[in-house]
N, C-alpha and C. Protein backbone atom coordinates (compact mmCIF):
# COMPACT_ATOMS: atom_id res chain seq x y z
N MET A 1 -19.24 -1.94 3.59
CA MET A 1 -18.20 -2.94 3.54
C MET A 1 -18.42 -3.79 2.29
N LEU A 2 -17.34 -4.04 1.56
CA LEU A 2 -17.44 -4.80 0.33
C LEU A 2 -16.94 -6.24 0.46
N ASP A 3 -15.96 -6.46 1.32
CA ASP A 3 -15.35 -7.78 1.43
C ASP A 3 -14.58 -7.87 2.74
N THR A 4 -14.36 -9.08 3.21
CA THR A 4 -13.56 -9.29 4.42
C THR A 4 -12.71 -10.54 4.26
N ILE A 5 -11.65 -10.60 5.03
CA ILE A 5 -10.83 -11.80 5.14
C ILE A 5 -10.58 -12.00 6.63
N ALA A 6 -10.99 -13.13 7.15
CA ALA A 6 -10.74 -13.42 8.57
C ALA A 6 -9.31 -13.92 8.71
N TYR A 7 -8.53 -13.21 9.52
CA TYR A 7 -7.13 -13.61 9.72
C TYR A 7 -7.07 -14.84 10.60
N GLN A 8 -6.46 -15.90 10.08
CA GLN A 8 -6.35 -17.17 10.80
C GLN A 8 -4.89 -17.61 10.88
N GLY A 9 -3.99 -16.66 10.99
CA GLY A 9 -2.57 -17.00 11.03
C GLY A 9 -2.12 -17.58 9.70
N LYS A 10 -1.24 -18.56 9.73
CA LYS A 10 -0.71 -19.16 8.50
C LYS A 10 -1.79 -19.82 7.65
N ALA A 11 -2.91 -20.17 8.25
CA ALA A 11 -3.99 -20.84 7.51
C ALA A 11 -4.85 -19.86 6.70
N THR A 12 -4.61 -18.55 6.84
CA THR A 12 -5.39 -17.57 6.10
C THR A 12 -5.18 -17.77 4.60
N ASP A 13 -6.27 -17.88 3.87
CA ASP A 13 -6.22 -18.11 2.43
C ASP A 13 -6.14 -16.77 1.70
N LEU A 14 -4.97 -16.47 1.18
CA LEU A 14 -4.78 -15.25 0.40
C LEU A 14 -4.35 -15.66 -1.00
N ALA A 15 -5.25 -15.51 -1.94
CA ALA A 15 -5.00 -15.95 -3.31
C ALA A 15 -3.80 -15.26 -3.93
N ASN A 16 -3.53 -14.03 -3.52
CA ASN A 16 -2.45 -13.27 -4.14
C ASN A 16 -1.16 -13.28 -3.33
N LEU A 17 -1.07 -14.16 -2.33
CA LEU A 17 0.15 -14.22 -1.52
C LEU A 17 1.24 -14.88 -2.35
N ASN A 18 2.22 -14.11 -2.68
CA ASN A 18 3.36 -14.62 -3.43
C ASN A 18 4.60 -13.88 -2.96
N GLN A 19 5.69 -14.11 -3.61
CA GLN A 19 6.93 -13.49 -3.15
C GLN A 19 6.98 -12.00 -3.40
N GLU A 20 6.09 -11.48 -4.24
CA GLU A 20 6.06 -10.05 -4.49
C GLU A 20 5.41 -9.27 -3.35
N LEU A 21 4.45 -9.89 -2.67
CA LEU A 21 3.66 -9.19 -1.65
C LEU A 21 3.81 -9.84 -0.29
N GLY A 22 3.89 -9.01 0.75
CA GLY A 22 3.86 -9.52 2.11
C GLY A 22 2.43 -9.82 2.51
N ILE A 23 2.22 -10.28 3.73
CA ILE A 23 0.88 -10.68 4.16
C ILE A 23 -0.11 -9.52 4.14
N GLY A 24 0.27 -8.37 4.72
CA GLY A 24 -0.63 -7.22 4.72
C GLY A 24 -0.94 -6.73 3.32
N GLU A 25 0.09 -6.69 2.46
CA GLU A 25 -0.10 -6.26 1.08
C GLU A 25 -0.99 -7.23 0.32
N ALA A 26 -0.76 -8.53 0.51
CA ALA A 26 -1.56 -9.55 -0.17
C ALA A 26 -3.02 -9.49 0.28
N ALA A 27 -3.24 -9.24 1.57
CA ALA A 27 -4.61 -9.11 2.07
C ALA A 27 -5.30 -7.93 1.41
N ALA A 28 -4.63 -6.78 1.35
CA ALA A 28 -5.22 -5.60 0.72
C ALA A 28 -5.49 -5.85 -0.76
N PHE A 29 -4.53 -6.47 -1.45
CA PHE A 29 -4.73 -6.73 -2.88
C PHE A 29 -5.87 -7.71 -3.10
N SER A 30 -5.96 -8.73 -2.26
CA SER A 30 -7.06 -9.70 -2.38
C SER A 30 -8.42 -9.03 -2.20
N LEU A 31 -8.50 -8.10 -1.26
CA LEU A 31 -9.78 -7.43 -0.98
C LEU A 31 -10.24 -6.53 -2.12
N VAL A 32 -9.31 -5.99 -2.88
CA VAL A 32 -9.69 -5.08 -3.97
C VAL A 32 -9.57 -5.72 -5.35
N SER A 33 -9.18 -6.99 -5.41
CA SER A 33 -8.91 -7.62 -6.71
C SER A 33 -10.11 -7.60 -7.67
N ASP A 34 -11.33 -7.61 -7.15
CA ASP A 34 -12.50 -7.55 -8.02
C ASP A 34 -12.75 -6.14 -8.58
N PHE A 35 -12.02 -5.17 -8.09
CA PHE A 35 -12.26 -3.78 -8.46
C PHE A 35 -11.12 -3.15 -9.26
N VAL A 36 -10.05 -3.91 -9.55
CA VAL A 36 -8.92 -3.36 -10.32
C VAL A 36 -9.32 -3.19 -11.78
N HIS A 37 -8.59 -2.35 -12.48
CA HIS A 37 -8.85 -2.02 -13.89
C HIS A 37 -10.20 -1.32 -14.08
N LYS A 38 -10.71 -0.68 -13.03
CA LYS A 38 -11.99 0.02 -13.13
C LYS A 38 -11.87 1.48 -12.69
N ASN A 39 -10.63 1.99 -12.66
CA ASN A 39 -10.34 3.37 -12.31
C ASN A 39 -10.79 3.72 -10.89
N HIS A 40 -10.75 2.76 -9.98
CA HIS A 40 -11.06 3.01 -8.58
C HIS A 40 -9.83 3.54 -7.85
N LYS A 41 -10.06 4.22 -6.76
CA LYS A 41 -9.00 4.68 -5.87
C LYS A 41 -9.20 3.99 -4.53
N VAL A 42 -8.13 3.42 -3.98
CA VAL A 42 -8.18 2.71 -2.71
C VAL A 42 -7.59 3.60 -1.63
N VAL A 43 -8.27 3.73 -0.49
CA VAL A 43 -7.76 4.49 0.65
C VAL A 43 -7.62 3.51 1.81
N THR A 44 -6.45 3.48 2.42
CA THR A 44 -6.20 2.52 3.50
C THR A 44 -5.27 3.11 4.55
N ASP A 45 -5.05 2.37 5.61
CA ASP A 45 -4.18 2.85 6.68
C ASP A 45 -2.77 2.26 6.55
N SER A 46 -1.92 2.59 7.50
CA SER A 46 -0.50 2.23 7.41
C SER A 46 -0.23 0.74 7.56
N TRP A 47 -1.18 -0.04 8.01
CA TRP A 47 -0.95 -1.48 8.15
C TRP A 47 -0.76 -2.13 6.78
N PHE A 48 -1.44 -1.61 5.74
CA PHE A 48 -1.44 -2.23 4.43
C PHE A 48 -0.60 -1.51 3.38
N VAL A 49 -0.44 -0.22 3.48
CA VAL A 49 0.21 0.56 2.43
C VAL A 49 1.71 0.31 2.40
N SER A 50 2.22 0.19 1.20
CA SER A 50 3.66 0.10 0.97
C SER A 50 3.94 0.53 -0.47
N PRO A 51 5.17 0.93 -0.76
CA PRO A 51 5.49 1.26 -2.16
C PRO A 51 5.27 0.06 -3.08
N ASN A 52 5.53 -1.14 -2.59
CA ASN A 52 5.34 -2.35 -3.37
C ASN A 52 3.87 -2.54 -3.75
N LEU A 53 2.97 -2.39 -2.78
CA LEU A 53 1.54 -2.52 -3.06
C LEU A 53 1.07 -1.43 -4.01
N ALA A 54 1.55 -0.20 -3.80
CA ALA A 54 1.17 0.90 -4.68
C ALA A 54 1.56 0.60 -6.13
N SER A 55 2.75 0.07 -6.34
CA SER A 55 3.20 -0.27 -7.70
C SER A 55 2.36 -1.40 -8.29
N LYS A 56 2.08 -2.41 -7.48
CA LYS A 56 1.29 -3.56 -7.94
C LYS A 56 -0.12 -3.11 -8.35
N LEU A 57 -0.74 -2.27 -7.53
CA LEU A 57 -2.08 -1.77 -7.87
C LEU A 57 -2.04 -0.89 -9.11
N LEU A 58 -1.02 -0.05 -9.23
CA LEU A 58 -0.90 0.82 -10.39
C LEU A 58 -0.76 0.01 -11.68
N GLU A 59 -0.06 -1.12 -11.61
CA GLU A 59 0.05 -2.02 -12.76
C GLU A 59 -1.33 -2.54 -13.18
N HIS A 60 -2.26 -2.56 -12.23
CA HIS A 60 -3.61 -3.04 -12.48
C HIS A 60 -4.61 -1.88 -12.61
N GLY A 61 -4.12 -0.69 -12.93
CA GLY A 61 -4.99 0.45 -13.19
C GLY A 61 -5.73 0.99 -11.99
N THR A 62 -5.16 0.83 -10.79
CA THR A 62 -5.81 1.26 -9.56
C THR A 62 -4.83 2.09 -8.74
N HIS A 63 -5.30 3.20 -8.19
CA HIS A 63 -4.46 4.07 -7.37
C HIS A 63 -4.73 3.82 -5.89
N ILE A 64 -3.75 4.16 -5.05
CA ILE A 64 -3.90 3.98 -3.60
C ILE A 64 -3.43 5.25 -2.90
N LEU A 65 -4.11 5.56 -1.81
CA LEU A 65 -3.77 6.69 -0.96
C LEU A 65 -3.81 6.22 0.48
N GLY A 66 -2.81 6.58 1.25
CA GLY A 66 -2.85 6.20 2.65
C GLY A 66 -1.59 6.63 3.38
N THR A 67 -1.65 6.48 4.68
CA THR A 67 -0.47 6.74 5.49
C THR A 67 0.44 5.52 5.40
N VAL A 68 1.72 5.74 5.57
CA VAL A 68 2.67 4.63 5.48
C VAL A 68 3.77 4.82 6.50
N LYS A 69 4.22 3.74 7.06
CA LYS A 69 5.31 3.79 8.04
C LYS A 69 6.63 4.03 7.31
N LYS A 70 7.45 4.91 7.85
CA LYS A 70 8.69 5.24 7.16
C LYS A 70 9.68 4.08 7.12
N CYS A 71 9.47 3.06 7.94
CA CYS A 71 10.37 1.91 7.94
C CYS A 71 9.95 0.83 6.94
N ARG A 72 8.88 1.05 6.17
CA ARG A 72 8.42 0.07 5.19
C ARG A 72 9.50 -0.18 4.13
N LYS A 73 9.61 -1.42 3.74
CA LYS A 73 10.55 -1.80 2.69
C LYS A 73 10.22 -1.02 1.42
N GLY A 74 11.24 -0.42 0.82
CA GLY A 74 11.06 0.33 -0.42
C GLY A 74 10.74 1.80 -0.23
N MET A 75 10.58 2.24 1.03
CA MET A 75 10.27 3.65 1.28
C MET A 75 11.49 4.52 1.03
N SER A 76 11.25 5.73 0.57
CA SER A 76 12.32 6.72 0.42
C SER A 76 12.90 7.01 1.79
N LYS A 77 14.17 7.28 1.84
CA LYS A 77 14.80 7.67 3.10
C LYS A 77 14.38 9.09 3.44
N LEU A 78 13.76 9.24 4.60
CA LEU A 78 13.26 10.54 5.03
C LEU A 78 14.23 11.15 6.03
N ALA A 79 14.27 12.47 6.04
CA ALA A 79 15.13 13.18 6.98
C ALA A 79 14.64 12.98 8.40
N GLY A 80 15.42 13.45 9.34
CA GLY A 80 15.01 13.37 10.74
C GLY A 80 13.81 14.26 11.01
N LYS A 81 13.75 14.80 12.19
CA LYS A 81 12.62 15.61 12.62
C LYS A 81 12.52 16.89 11.78
N LEU A 82 11.31 17.23 11.39
CA LEU A 82 11.06 18.48 10.66
C LEU A 82 10.59 19.55 11.63
N SER A 83 10.99 20.78 11.36
CA SER A 83 10.49 21.87 12.20
C SER A 83 9.08 22.21 11.76
N LYS A 84 8.33 22.81 12.67
CA LYS A 84 6.92 23.13 12.45
C LYS A 84 6.73 23.91 11.15
N GLY A 85 5.77 23.47 10.35
CA GLY A 85 5.43 24.15 9.10
C GLY A 85 6.23 23.69 7.90
N ASN A 86 7.25 22.84 8.09
CA ASN A 86 8.05 22.36 6.97
C ASN A 86 7.46 21.07 6.41
N VAL A 87 7.71 20.82 5.12
CA VAL A 87 7.23 19.64 4.44
C VAL A 87 8.41 19.00 3.71
N GLU A 88 8.43 17.69 3.70
CA GLU A 88 9.44 16.95 2.94
C GLU A 88 8.72 16.13 1.89
N THR A 89 9.20 16.18 0.65
CA THR A 89 8.55 15.47 -0.44
C THR A 89 9.57 14.66 -1.23
N HIS A 90 9.19 13.43 -1.55
CA HIS A 90 9.96 12.56 -2.44
C HIS A 90 9.00 12.05 -3.50
N SER A 91 9.45 12.02 -4.75
CA SER A 91 8.55 11.51 -5.79
C SER A 91 9.34 10.77 -6.86
N SER A 92 8.64 9.89 -7.54
CA SER A 92 9.16 9.19 -8.71
C SER A 92 8.05 9.21 -9.75
N ASP A 93 8.23 8.49 -10.83
CA ASP A 93 7.18 8.47 -11.84
C ASP A 93 5.94 7.71 -11.37
N ARG A 94 6.06 6.94 -10.27
CA ARG A 94 4.94 6.12 -9.81
C ARG A 94 4.50 6.38 -8.37
N LEU A 95 5.26 7.17 -7.61
CA LEU A 95 5.01 7.27 -6.18
C LEU A 95 5.28 8.68 -5.68
N LEU A 96 4.41 9.17 -4.78
CA LEU A 96 4.61 10.45 -4.11
C LEU A 96 4.56 10.20 -2.62
N VAL A 97 5.60 10.60 -1.92
CA VAL A 97 5.66 10.49 -0.46
C VAL A 97 5.82 11.91 0.08
N GLU A 98 4.95 12.27 1.00
CA GLU A 98 5.02 13.61 1.58
C GLU A 98 4.77 13.54 3.06
N ARG A 99 5.56 14.29 3.80
CA ARG A 99 5.35 14.40 5.24
C ARG A 99 5.64 15.80 5.69
């Protein structure tokens, strides 16, 4: 473990909480802020990952990998249910989404 932030509701001190990032995104960015611009890769779960956070980290020379909820703001619109063995992929110059 490298760092922690104790969640205290609205009183939680997140240095990077601004209008660009939501609470989960700001928490993740705060935890890795000492490691950006060092070619690190961040792996996290769906609570923190979003296209917005991925873009913000990429601007700071850091990549992120993780599961993401399809209802996250900024996510590509995904098709309905896929049949077994099929894959759906969406990509841009900064983001790859695959399911």
